[in-house]
Structure formats: structure tokens, C-alpha cells
PDB file of all heavy atoms in Angstrom:
ATOM      1  N   ASN A   1       0.838  -1.183   0.000  1.00  0.00           N
ATOM      2  CA  ASN A   1       0.000   0.000   0.000  1.00  0.00           C
ATOM      3  C   ASN A   1       0.881   1.244   0.000  1.00  0.00           C
ATOM      4  O   ASN A   1       2.025   1.198   0.473  1.00  0.00           O
ATOM      5  CB  ASN A   1      -0.888   0.031   1.245  1.00  0.00           C
ATOM      6  CG  ASN A   1      -2.229  -0.631   1.010  1.00  0.00           C
ATOM      7  OD1 ASN A   1      -2.673  -0.751  -0.114  1.00  0.00           O
ATOM      8  ND2 ASN A   1      -2.860  -1.060   2.080  1.00  0.00           N
ATOM      9  N   PRO A   2       0.383   2.365  -0.498  1.00  0.00           N
ATOM     10  CA  PRO A   2       1.171   3.600  -0.408  1.00  0.00           C
ATOM     11  C   PRO A   2       1.536   3.898   1.043  1.00  0.00           C
ATOM     12  O   PRO A   2       0.711   3.770   1.945  1.00  0.00           O
ATOM     13  CB  PRO A   2       0.227   4.662  -0.976  1.00  0.00           C
ATOM     14  CG  PRO A   2      -0.702   3.896  -1.854  1.00  0.00           C
ATOM     15  CD  PRO A   2      -0.893   2.566  -1.195  1.00  0.00           C
ATOM     16  N   THR A   3       2.768   4.261   1.271  1.00  0.00           N
ATOM     17  CA  THR A   3       3.237   4.561   2.617  1.00  0.00           C
ATOM     18  C   THR A   3       3.549   6.033   2.747  1.00  0.00           C
ATOM     19  O   THR A   3       3.870   6.701   1.760  1.00  0.00           O
ATOM     20  CB  THR A   3       4.507   3.744   2.942  1.00  0.00           C
ATOM     21  OG1 THR A   3       5.507   4.039   1.959  1.00  0.00           O
ATOM     22  CG2 THR A   3       4.206   2.252   2.902  1.00  0.00           C
ATOM     23  N   GLY A   4       3.458   6.543   3.963  1.00  0.00           N
ATOM     24  CA  GLY A   4       3.741   7.948   4.196  1.00  0.00           C
ATOM     25  C   GLY A   4       5.209   8.279   4.042  1.00  0.00           C
ATOM     26  O   GLY A   4       6.076   7.408   4.106  1.00  0.00           O
ATOM     27  N   ASP A   5       5.480   9.557   3.814  1.00  0.00           N
ATOM     28  CA  ASP A   5       6.866   9.996   3.702  1.00  0.00           C
ATOM     29  C   ASP A   5       7.606   9.771   5.005  1.00  0.00           C
ATOM     30  O   ASP A   5       7.065   9.948   6.086  1.00  0.00           O
ATOM     31  CB  ASP A   5       6.924  11.487   3.360  1.00  0.00           C
ATOM     32  CG  ASP A   5       6.457  11.758   1.940  1.00  0.00           C
ATOM     33  OD1 ASP A   5       6.254  10.782   1.206  1.00  0.00           O
ATOM     34  OD2 ASP A   5       6.300  12.934   1.575  1.00  0.00           O
ATOM     35  N   SER A   6       8.851   9.394   4.908  1.00  0.00           N
ATOM     36  CA  SER A   6       9.702   9.240   6.081  1.00  0.00           C
ATOM     37  C   SER A   6      11.147   9.436   5.666  1.00  0.00           C
ATOM     38  O   SER A   6      11.556   8.985   4.598  1.00  0.00           O
ATOM     39  CB  SER A   6       9.523   7.857   6.712  1.00  0.00           C
ATOM     40  OG  SER A   6      10.345   7.725   7.853  1.00  0.00           O
ATOM     41  N   SER A   7      11.920  10.117   6.485  1.00  0.00           N
ATOM     42  CA  SER A   7      13.349  10.263   6.226  1.00  0.00           C
ATOM     43  C   SER A   7      14.126   9.141   6.891  1.00  0.00           C
ATOM     44  O   SER A   7      15.346   9.071   6.761  1.00  0.00           O
ATOM     45  CB  SER A   7      13.845  11.617   6.746  1.00  0.00           C
ATOM     46  OG  SER A   7      13.595  11.736   8.130  1.00  0.00           O
ATOM     47  N   GLU A   8      13.438   8.248   7.580  1.00  0.00           N
ATOM     48  CA  GLU A   8      14.076   7.129   8.269  1.00  0.00           C
ATOM     49  C   GLU A   8      13.297   5.852   7.964  1.00  0.00           C
ATOM     50  O   GLU A   8      12.082   5.794   8.124  1.00  0.00           O
ATOM     51  CB  GLU A   8      14.089   7.376   9.778  1.00  0.00           C
ATOM     52  CG  GLU A   8      14.704   6.226  10.574  1.00  0.00           C
ATOM     53  CD  GLU A   8      14.624   6.467  12.086  1.00  0.00           C
ATOM     54  OE1 GLU A   8      13.897   7.399  12.501  1.00  0.00           O
ATOM     55  OE2 GLU A   8      15.262   5.730  12.850  1.00  0.00           O
ATOM     56  N   TRP A   9      14.011   4.847   7.495  1.00  0.00           N
ATOM     57  CA  TRP A   9      13.400   3.545   7.216  1.00  0.00           C
ATOM     58  C   TRP A   9      14.225   2.451   7.882  1.00  0.00           C
ATOM     59  O   TRP A   9      15.453   2.560   7.978  1.00  0.00           O
ATOM     60  CB  TRP A   9      13.338   3.286   5.705  1.00  0.00           C
ATOM     61  CG  TRP A   9      12.403   4.173   4.969  1.00  0.00           C
ATOM     62  CD1 TRP A   9      12.703   5.346   4.327  1.00  0.00           C
ATOM     63  CD2 TRP A   9      11.001   3.981   4.811  1.00  0.00           C
ATOM     64  NE1 TRP A   9      11.571   5.892   3.772  1.00  0.00           N
ATOM     65  CE2 TRP A   9      10.503   5.066   4.051  1.00  0.00           C
ATOM     66  CE3 TRP A   9      10.098   2.991   5.221  1.00  0.00           C
ATOM     67  CZ2 TRP A   9       9.171   5.197   3.696  1.00  0.00           C
ATOM     68  CZ3 TRP A   9       8.766   3.117   4.862  1.00  0.00           C
ATOM     69  CH2 TRP A   9       8.319   4.209   4.112  1.00  0.00           C
ATOM     70  N   TRP A  10      13.557   1.412   8.304  1.00  0.00           N
ATOM     71  CA  TRP A  10      14.221   0.256   8.896  1.00  0.00           C
ATOM     72  C   TRP A  10      13.727  -1.008   8.199  1.00  0.00           C
ATOM     73  O   TRP A  10      12.538  -1.147   7.921  1.00  0.00           O
ATOM     74  CB  TRP A  10      13.915   0.152  10.391  1.00  0.00           C
ATOM     75  CG  TRP A  10      14.551   1.220  11.213  1.00  0.00           C
ATOM     76  CD1 TRP A  10      14.122   2.509  11.386  1.00  0.00           C
ATOM     77  CD2 TRP A  10      15.744   1.104  11.989  1.00  0.00           C
ATOM     78  NE1 TRP A  10      14.967   3.198  12.221  1.00  0.00           N
ATOM     79  CE2 TRP A  10      15.971   2.363  12.612  1.00  0.00           C
ATOM     80  CE3 TRP A  10      16.636   0.066  12.237  1.00  0.00           C
ATOM     81  CZ2 TRP A  10      17.058   2.599  13.453  1.00  0.00           C
ATOM     82  CZ3 TRP A  10      17.716   0.293  13.071  1.00  0.00           C
ATOM     83  CH2 TRP A  10      17.930   1.545  13.670  1.00  0.00           C
ATOM     84  N   MET A  11      14.646  -1.907   7.908  1.00  0.00           N
ATOM     85  CA  MET A  11      14.297  -3.192   7.309  1.00  0.00           C
ATOM     86  C   MET A  11      15.015  -4.290   8.061  1.00  0.00           C
ATOM     87  O   MET A  11      16.152  -4.124   8.507  1.00  0.00           O
ATOM     88  CB  MET A  11      14.712  -3.237   5.838  1.00  0.00           C
ATOM     89  CG  MET A  11      14.584  -4.628   5.211  1.00  0.00           C
ATOM     90  SD  MET A  11      15.489  -4.797   3.647  1.00  0.00           S
ATOM     91  CE  MET A  11      15.693  -6.581   3.581  1.00  0.00           C
ATOM     92  N   SER A  12      14.345  -5.431   8.237  1.00  0.00           N
ATOM     93  CA  SER A  12      15.028  -6.602   8.783  1.00  0.00           C
ATOM     94  C   SER A  12      14.611  -7.822   7.994  1.00  0.00           C
ATOM     95  O   SER A  12      13.517  -7.875   7.413  1.00  0.00           O
ATOM     96  CB  SER A  12      14.710  -6.794  10.273  1.00  0.00           C
ATOM     97  OG  SER A  12      13.360  -7.150  10.468  1.00  0.00           O
ATOM     98  N   ILE A  13      15.476  -8.798   7.976  1.00  0.00           N
ATOM     99  CA  ILE A  13      15.203 -10.043   7.271  1.00  0.00           C
ATOM    100  C   ILE A  13      16.110 -11.126   7.854  1.00  0.00           C
ATOM    101  O   ILE A  13      17.228 -10.832   8.296  1.00  0.00           O
ATOM    102  CB  ILE A  13      15.439  -9.888   5.751  1.00  0.00           C
ATOM    103  CG1 ILE A  13      14.911 -11.100   4.979  1.00  0.00           C
ATOM    104  CG2 ILE A  13      16.913  -9.654   5.441  1.00  0.00           C
ATOM    105  CD1 ILE A  13      14.915 -10.896   3.461  1.00  0.00           C
ATOM    106  N   MET A  14      15.623 -12.346   7.913  1.00  0.00           N
ATOM    107  CA  MET A  14      16.442 -13.482   8.302  1.00  0.00           C
ATOM    108  C   MET A  14      16.726 -14.303   7.044  1.00  0.00           C
ATOM    109  O   MET A  14      15.817 -14.589   6.259  1.00  0.00           O
ATOM    110  CB  MET A  14      15.730 -14.335   9.346  1.00  0.00           C
ATOM    111  CG  MET A  14      15.533 -13.621  10.671  1.00  0.00           C
ATOM    112  SD  MET A  14      14.682 -14.650  11.881  1.00  0.00           S
ATOM    113  CE  MET A  14      14.390 -13.431  13.181  1.00  0.00           C
ATOM    114  N   VAL A  15      17.978 -14.652   6.866  1.00  0.00           N
ATOM    115  CA  VAL A  15      18.380 -15.379   5.668  1.00  0.00           C
ATOM    116  C   VAL A  15      19.233 -16.583   6.044  1.00  0.00           C
ATOM    117  O   VAL A  15      19.872 -16.617   7.103  1.00  0.00           O
ATOM    118  CB  VAL A  15      19.168 -14.480   4.687  1.00  0.00           C
ATOM    119  CG1 VAL A  15      18.284 -13.381   4.136  1.00  0.00           C
ATOM    120  CG2 VAL A  15      20.399 -13.883   5.368  1.00  0.00           C
ATOM    121  N   ASN A  16      19.225 -17.556   5.164  1.00  0.00           N
ATOM    122  CA  ASN A  16      19.997 -18.781   5.369  1.00  0.00           C
ATOM    123  C   ASN A  16      20.159 -19.428   4.005  1.00  0.00           C
ATOM    124  O   ASN A  16      19.285 -19.307   3.148  1.00  0.00           O
ATOM    125  CB  ASN A  16      19.253 -19.713   6.326  1.00  0.00           C
ATOM    126  CG  ASN A  16      20.115 -20.856   6.838  1.00  0.00           C
ATOM    127  OD1 ASN A  16      21.270 -20.984   6.457  1.00  0.00           O
ATOM    128  ND2 ASN A  16      19.544 -21.687   7.687  1.00  0.00           N
ATOM    129  N   ARG A  17      21.251 -20.099   3.798  1.00  0.00           N
ATOM    130  CA  ARG A  17      21.423 -20.831   2.548  1.00  0.00           C
ATOM    131  C   ARG A  17      21.854 -22.259   2.858  1.00  0.00           C
ATOM    132  O   ARG A  17      22.511 -22.529   3.866  1.00  0.00           O
ATOM    133  CB  ARG A  17      22.471 -20.167   1.660  1.00  0.00           C
ATOM    134  CG  ARG A  17      23.906 -20.362   2.143  1.00  0.00           C
ATOM    135  CD  ARG A  17      24.905 -20.044   1.041  1.00  0.00           C
ATOM    136  NE  ARG A  17      26.279 -20.305   1.461  1.00  0.00           N
ATOM    137  CZ  ARG A  17      26.945 -21.421   1.202  1.00  0.00           C
ATOM    138  NH1 ARG A  17      26.381 -22.408   0.531  1.00  0.00           N
ATOM    139  NH2 ARG A  17      28.190 -21.570   1.612  1.00  0.00           N
ATOM    140  N   LEU A  18      21.476 -23.175   1.976  1.00  0.00           N
ATOM    141  CA  LEU A  18      21.944 -24.556   2.091  1.00  0.00           C
ATOM    142  C   LEU A  18      22.925 -24.824   0.955  1.00  0.00           C
ATOM    143  O   LEU A  18      24.100 -24.506   1.066  1.00  0.00           O
ATOM    144  CB  LEU A  18      20.754 -25.521   2.062  1.00  0.00           C
ATOM    145  CG  LEU A  18      19.808 -25.433   3.262  1.00  0.00           C
ATOM    146  CD1 LEU A  18      18.719 -26.481   3.145  1.00  0.00           C
ATOM    147  CD2 LEU A  18      20.555 -25.583   4.571  1.00  0.00           C
ATOM    148  N   THR A  19      22.452 -25.382  -0.125  1.00  0.00           N
ATOM    149  CA  THR A  19      23.344 -25.660  -1.246  1.00  0.00           C
ATOM    150  C   THR A  19      23.510 -24.422  -2.118  1.00  0.00           C
ATOM    151  O   THR A  19      22.735 -23.482  -2.058  1.00  0.00           O
ATOM    152  CB  THR A  19      22.763 -26.794  -2.098  1.00  0.00           C
ATOM    153  OG1 THR A  19      21.451 -26.415  -2.546  1.00  0.00           O
ATOM    154  CG2 THR A  19      22.653 -28.073  -1.288  1.00  0.00           C
ATOM    155  N   TRP A  20      24.562 -24.426  -2.897  1.00  0.00           N
ATOM    156  CA  TRP A  20      24.805 -23.313  -3.824  1.00  0.00           C
ATOM    157  C   TRP A  20      25.563 -23.837  -5.032  1.00  0.00           C
ATOM    158  O   TRP A  20      26.606 -24.466  -4.901  1.00  0.00           O
ATOM    159  CB  TRP A  20      25.618 -22.222  -3.153  1.00  0.00           C
ATOM    160  CG  TRP A  20      25.778 -20.990  -4.005  1.00  0.00           C
ATOM    161  CD1 TRP A  20      26.703 -20.780  -4.996  1.00  0.00           C
ATOM    162  CD2 TRP A  20      24.950 -19.836  -3.970  1.00  0.00           C
ATOM    163  NE1 TRP A  20      26.512 -19.561  -5.570  1.00  0.00           N
ATOM    164  CE2 TRP A  20      25.438 -18.941  -4.956  1.00  0.00           C
ATOM    165  CE3 TRP A  20      23.860 -19.458  -3.210  1.00  0.00           C
ATOM    166  CZ2 TRP A  20      24.876 -17.704  -5.190  1.00  0.00           C
ATOM    167  CZ3 TRP A  20      23.297 -18.220  -3.442  1.00  0.00           C
ATOM    168  CH2 TRP A  20      23.799 -17.357  -4.421  1.00  0.00           C
ATOM    169  N   LEU A  21      25.004 -23.587  -6.215  1.00  0.00           N
ATOM    170  CA  LEU A  21      25.673 -23.966  -7.447  1.00  0.00           C
ATOM    171  C   LEU A  21      25.590 -22.782  -8.386  1.00  0.00           C
ATOM    172  O   LEU A  21      24.546 -22.513  -8.979  1.00  0.00           O
ATOM    173  CB  LEU A  21      25.021 -25.197  -8.092  1.00  0.00           C
ATOM    174  CG  LEU A  21      25.664 -25.702  -9.388  1.00  0.00           C
ATOM    175  CD1 LEU A  21      27.122 -26.094  -9.147  1.00  0.00           C
ATOM    176  CD2 LEU A  21      24.882 -26.885  -9.943  1.00  0.00           C
ATOM    177  N   GLY A  22      26.682 -22.058  -8.472  1.00  0.00           N
ATOM    178  CA  GLY A  22      26.689 -20.865  -9.298  1.00  0.00           C
ATOM    179  C   GLY A  22      26.725 -21.194 -10.772  1.00  0.00           C
ATOM    180  O   GLY A  22      27.032 -22.315 -11.191  1.00  0.00           O
ATOM    181  N   VAL A  23      26.393 -20.207 -11.569  1.00  0.00           N
ATOM    182  CA  VAL A  23      26.393 -20.362 -13.016  1.00  0.00           C
ATOM    183  C   VAL A  23      27.589 -19.622 -13.580  1.00  0.00           C
ATOM    184  O   VAL A  23      27.684 -18.405 -13.420  1.00  0.00           O
ATOM    185  CB  VAL A  23      25.092 -19.815 -13.627  1.00  0.00           C
ATOM    186  CG1 VAL A  23      25.103 -19.991 -15.145  1.00  0.00           C
ATOM    187  CG2 VAL A  23      23.894 -20.508 -13.008  1.00  0.00           C
ATOM    188  N   PRO A  24      28.536 -20.326 -14.228  1.00  0.00           N
ATOM    189  CA  PRO A  24      29.721 -19.646 -14.767  1.00  0.00           C
ATOM    190  C   PRO A  24      29.339 -18.509 -15.708  1.00  0.00           C
ATOM    191  O   PRO A  24      28.408 -18.631 -16.509  1.00  0.00           O
ATOM    192  CB  PRO A  24      30.447 -20.770 -15.519  1.00  0.00           C
ATOM    193  CG  PRO A  24      29.993 -22.028 -14.849  1.00  0.00           C
ATOM    194  CD  PRO A  24      28.565 -21.771 -14.462  1.00  0.00           C
ATOM    195  N   SER A  25      30.029 -17.404 -15.539  1.00  0.00           N
ATOM    196  CA  SER A  25      29.868 -16.224 -16.398  1.00  0.00           C
ATOM    197  C   SER A  25      28.504 -15.564 -16.265  1.00  0.00           C
ATOM    198  O   SER A  25      28.125 -14.749 -17.105  1.00  0.00           O
ATOM    199  CB  SER A  25      30.113 -16.581 -17.874  1.00  0.00           C
ATOM    200  OG  SER A  25      31.409 -17.132 -18.034  1.00  0.00           O
ATOM    201  N   ALA A  26      27.750 -15.924 -15.242  1.00  0.00           N
ATOM    202  CA  ALA A  26      26.448 -15.284 -15.025  1.00  0.00           C
ATOM    203  C   ALA A  26      26.514 -14.410 -13.779  1.00  0.00           C
ATOM    204  O   ALA A  26      27.391 -14.570 -12.933  1.00  0.00           O
ATOM    205  CB  ALA A  26      25.355 -16.338 -14.863  1.00  0.00           C
ATOM    206  N   ASN A  27      25.583 -13.456 -13.679  1.00  0.00           N
ATOM    207  CA  ASN A  27      25.465 -12.651 -12.465  1.00  0.00           C
ATOM    208  C   ASN A  27      24.806 -13.515 -11.400  1.00  0.00           C
ATOM    209  O   ASN A  27      23.593 -13.670 -11.377  1.00  0.00           O
ATOM    210  CB  ASN A  27      24.628 -11.404 -12.732  1.00  0.00           C
ATOM    211  CG  ASN A  27      25.310 -10.472 -13.715  1.00  0.00           C
ATOM    212  OD1 ASN A  27      26.525 -10.321 -13.686  1.00  0.00           O
ATOM    213  ND2 ASN A  27      24.524  -9.860 -14.585  1.00  0.00           N
ATOM    214  N   THR A  28      25.605 -14.096 -10.539  1.00  0.00           N
ATOM    215  CA  THR A  28      25.118 -15.134  -9.639  1.00  0.00           C
ATOM    216  C   THR A  28      24.835 -14.567  -8.262  1.00  0.00           C
ATOM    217  O   THR A  28      25.746 -14.380  -7.460  1.00  0.00           O
ATOM    218  CB  THR A  28      26.146 -16.280  -9.533  1.00  0.00           C
ATOM    219  OG1 THR A  28      26.473 -16.713 -10.843  1.00  0.00           O
ATOM    220  CG2 THR A  28      25.573 -17.439  -8.744  1.00  0.00           C
ATOM    221  N   TYR A  29      23.571 -14.280  -7.995  1.00  0.00           N
ATOM    222  CA  TYR A  29      23.179 -13.852  -6.655  1.00  0.00           C
ATOM    223  C   TYR A  29      21.702 -14.144  -6.467  1.00  0.00           C
ATOM    224  O   TYR A  29      20.957 -14.401  -7.415  1.00  0.00           O
ATOM    225  CB  TYR A  29      23.474 -12.366  -6.424  1.00  0.00           C
ATOM    226  CG  TYR A  29      22.677 -11.407  -7.274  1.00  0.00           C
ATOM    227  CD1 TYR A  29      21.400 -10.992  -6.889  1.00  0.00           C
ATOM    228  CD2 TYR A  29      23.194 -10.902  -8.454  1.00  0.00           C
ATOM    229  CE1 TYR A  29      20.670 -10.112  -7.676  1.00  0.00           C
ATOM    230  CE2 TYR A  29      22.467 -10.016  -9.242  1.00  0.00           C
ATOM    231  CZ  TYR A  29      21.216  -9.624  -8.847  1.00  0.00           C
ATOM    232  OH  TYR A  29      20.488  -8.760  -9.624  1.00  0.00           O
ATOM    233  N   ILE A  30      21.273 -14.108  -5.206  1.00  0.00           N
ATOM    234  CA  ILE A  30      19.865 -14.203  -4.880  1.00  0.00           C
ATOM    235  C   ILE A  30      19.609 -13.325  -3.670  1.00  0.00           C
ATOM    236  O   ILE A  30      20.299 -13.436  -2.647  1.00  0.00           O
ATOM    237  CB  ILE A  30      19.425 -15.657  -4.618  1.00  0.00           C
ATOM    238  CG1 ILE A  30      17.956 -15.691  -4.184  1.00  0.00           C
ATOM    239  CG2 ILE A  30      20.314 -16.333  -3.600  1.00  0.00           C
ATOM    240  CD1 ILE A  30      17.382 -17.085  -4.134  1.00  0.00           C
ATOM    241  N   VAL A  31      18.669 -12.392  -3.781  1.00  0.00           N
ATOM    242  CA  VAL A  31      18.450 -11.405  -2.733  1.00  0.00           C
ATOM    243  C   VAL A  31      16.956 -11.166  -2.543  1.00  0.00           C
ATOM    244  O   VAL A  31      16.144 -11.420  -3.433  1.00  0.00           O
ATOM    245  CB  VAL A  31      19.150 -10.066  -3.056  1.00  0.00           C
ATOM    246  CG1 VAL A  31      20.658 -10.188  -2.948  1.00  0.00           C
ATOM    247  CG2 VAL A  31      18.736  -9.568  -4.437  1.00  0.00           C
ATOM    248  N   GLY A  32      16.591 -10.645  -1.373  1.00  0.00           N
ATOM    249  CA  GLY A  32      15.212 -10.283  -1.094  1.00  0.00           C
ATOM    250  C   GLY A  32      15.169  -9.034  -0.235  1.00  0.00           C
ATOM    251  O   GLY A  32      16.069  -8.797   0.583  1.00  0.00           O
ATOM    252  N   GLY A  33      14.127  -8.219  -0.417  1.00  0.00           N
ATOM    253  CA  GLY A  33      14.011  -7.003   0.377  1.00  0.00           C
ATOM    254  C   GLY A  33      12.915  -6.107  -0.148  1.00  0.00           C
ATOM    255  O   GLY A  33      11.901  -6.580  -0.659  1.00  0.00           O
TER     256      GLY A  33
END
């Protein structure tokens, strides 16, 4: 939903990874936010 103006923002997230198989020559990342 539209949010009010603010000069201060806070974000939190819990992350964890298990396996990882990167792709050669690719932009290899995974993010959320």
C-alpha cells in the first residue's frame, strides 16, 4: 500500500542458505528485500 513519507526507514530479514551452485559467467546472486 502507499506509505507515508519518512526520512528514516528500517528493514530486517532473516536469511539462510543450504546448497549453492553458481552459473559460470552469469550474475550469480539471490536477494530479497
